[in-house]
Structures are given as C-alpha cells and as structure tokens.
C-alpha cells in the first residue's frame, strides 16, 4: 500500500514540475521575443513557416 502511495505522490510531483517548467519557458519567451515563440511538443521543428512540410523545408 505504501508503494502505491509513494508512486502516486511521485507522479503528481513530476506532472506539477512539468507544468512549472512550461510556465517558465513561456514567461521567458514572452520577455525575450527576439528568440521566437517556444516550440510546442509534436508541432514540428517550430522554426519553419510551412508547418505541414517542415521536415522537407528545414
């Protein structure tokens, strides 16, 4: 039973940490627009203007 509780707490802490990291990244991107927008996971390389053909354009 304690293993289950420990695993639950660890997973919750990891998820909250990931949300915190994302907030830090977006805050940094907002304060430093010269670096461009932050890249979203699964949306390609993020630096191309052609999102659908990013793998061939980059």
C-alpha atoms as a PDB file:
ATOM      1  CA  UNK A   1       0.000   0.000   0.000  1.00  0.00           C
ATOM      2  CA  UNK A   2       2.830   2.403   0.763  1.00  0.00           C
ATOM      3  CA  UNK A   3       4.361   1.697  -2.658  1.00  0.00           C
ATOM      4  CA  UNK A   4       1.116   2.790  -4.278  1.00  0.00           C
ATOM      5  CA  UNK A   5       1.000   5.997  -2.259  1.00  0.00           C
ATOM      6  CA  UNK A   6       4.642   6.798  -2.965  1.00  0.00           C
ATOM      7  CA  UNK A   7       4.153   6.191  -6.681  1.00  0.00           C
ATOM      8  CA  UNK A   8       1.063   8.402  -6.711  1.00  0.00           C
ATOM      9  CA  UNK A   9       2.884  11.250  -4.971  1.00  0.00           C
ATOM     10  CA  UNK A  10       5.933  10.937  -7.234  1.00  0.00           C
ATOM     11  CA  UNK A  11       3.820  11.003 -10.403  1.00  0.00           C
ATOM     12  CA  UNK A  12       1.839  14.008  -9.157  1.00  0.00           C
ATOM     13  CA  UNK A  13       5.084  15.851  -8.322  1.00  0.00           C
ATOM     14  CA  UNK A  14       6.534  15.096 -11.756  1.00  0.00           C
ATOM     15  CA  UNK A  15       3.418  16.388 -13.505  1.00  0.00           C
ATOM     16  CA  UNK A  16       3.376  19.577 -11.425  1.00  0.00           C
ATOM     17  CA  UNK A  17       7.082  20.078 -12.127  1.00  0.00           C
ATOM     18  CA  UNK A  18       6.465  19.764 -15.870  1.00  0.00           C
ATOM     19  CA  UNK A  19       3.722  22.387 -15.692  1.00  0.00           C
ATOM     20  CA  UNK A  20       6.132  24.663 -13.818  1.00  0.00           C
ATOM     21  CA  UNK A  21       8.811  24.198 -16.479  1.00  0.00           C
ATOM     22  CA  UNK A  22       6.321  25.053 -19.222  1.00  0.00           C
ATOM     23  CA  UNK A  23       5.310  28.241 -17.405  1.00  0.00           C
ATOM     24  CA  UNK A  24       8.965  29.252 -17.046  1.00  0.00           C
ATOM     25  CA  UNK A  25       9.573  28.655 -20.758  1.00  0.00           C
ATOM     26  CA  UNK A  26       6.547  30.677 -21.847  1.00  0.00           C
ATOM     27  CA  UNK A  27       7.410  33.504 -19.463  1.00  0.00           C
ATOM     28  CA  UNK A  28      10.958  33.586 -20.848  1.00  0.00           C
ATOM     29  CA  UNK A  29       9.620  33.580 -24.429  1.00  0.00           C
ATOM     30  CA  UNK A  30       7.264  36.436 -23.568  1.00  0.00           C
ATOM     31  CA  UNK A  31      10.111  38.516 -22.124  1.00  0.00           C
ATOM     32  CA  UNK A  32      12.533  37.690 -24.978  1.00  0.00           C
ATOM     33  CA  UNK A  33      10.597  37.816 -28.286  1.00  0.00           C
ATOM     34  CA  UNK A  34      13.842  38.013 -30.272  1.00  0.00           C
ATOM     35  CA  UNK A  35      14.250  34.240 -29.825  1.00  0.00           C
ATOM     36  CA  UNK A  36      10.874  33.497 -31.408  1.00  0.00           C
ATOM     37  CA  UNK A  37       7.947  31.578 -29.987  1.00  0.00           C
ATOM     38  CA  UNK A  38       8.537  28.479 -27.860  1.00  0.00           C
ATOM     39  CA  UNK A  39       8.199  25.160 -29.638  1.00  0.00           C
ATOM     40  CA  UNK A  40       5.221  23.005 -28.768  1.00  0.00           C
ATOM     41  CA  UNK A  41       5.662  19.263 -28.497  1.00  0.00           C
ATOM     42  CA  UNK A  42       4.590  17.413 -31.635  1.00  0.00           C
ATOM     43  CA  UNK A  43       4.231  20.509 -33.791  1.00  0.00           C
ATOM     44  CA  UNK A  44       7.343  20.110 -35.924  1.00  0.00           C
ATOM     45  CA  UNK A  45      10.614  21.967 -35.637  1.00  0.00           C
ATOM     46  CA  UNK A  46       8.933  25.286 -34.842  1.00  0.00           C
ATOM     47  CA  UNK A  47      11.202  27.441 -36.982  1.00  0.00           C
ATOM     48  CA  UNK A  48       9.555  26.945 -40.370  1.00  0.00           C
ATOM     49  CA  UNK A  49       6.774  28.985 -41.883  1.00  0.00           C
ATOM     50  CA  UNK A  50       5.473  25.810 -43.582  1.00  0.00           C
ATOM     51  CA  UNK A  51       4.199  23.714 -40.707  1.00  0.00           C
ATOM     52  CA  UNK A  52       2.887  20.904 -42.928  1.00  0.00           C
ATOM     53  CA  UNK A  53       6.138  20.425 -44.863  1.00  0.00           C
ATOM     54  CA  UNK A  54       8.551  21.214 -42.053  1.00  0.00           C
ATOM     55  CA  UNK A  55      10.618  18.043 -42.431  1.00  0.00           C
ATOM     56  CA  UNK A  56      11.499  18.930 -46.027  1.00  0.00           C
ATOM     57  CA  UNK A  57      11.813  22.703 -45.598  1.00  0.00           C
ATOM     58  CA  UNK A  58      14.149  22.750 -42.588  1.00  0.00           C
END
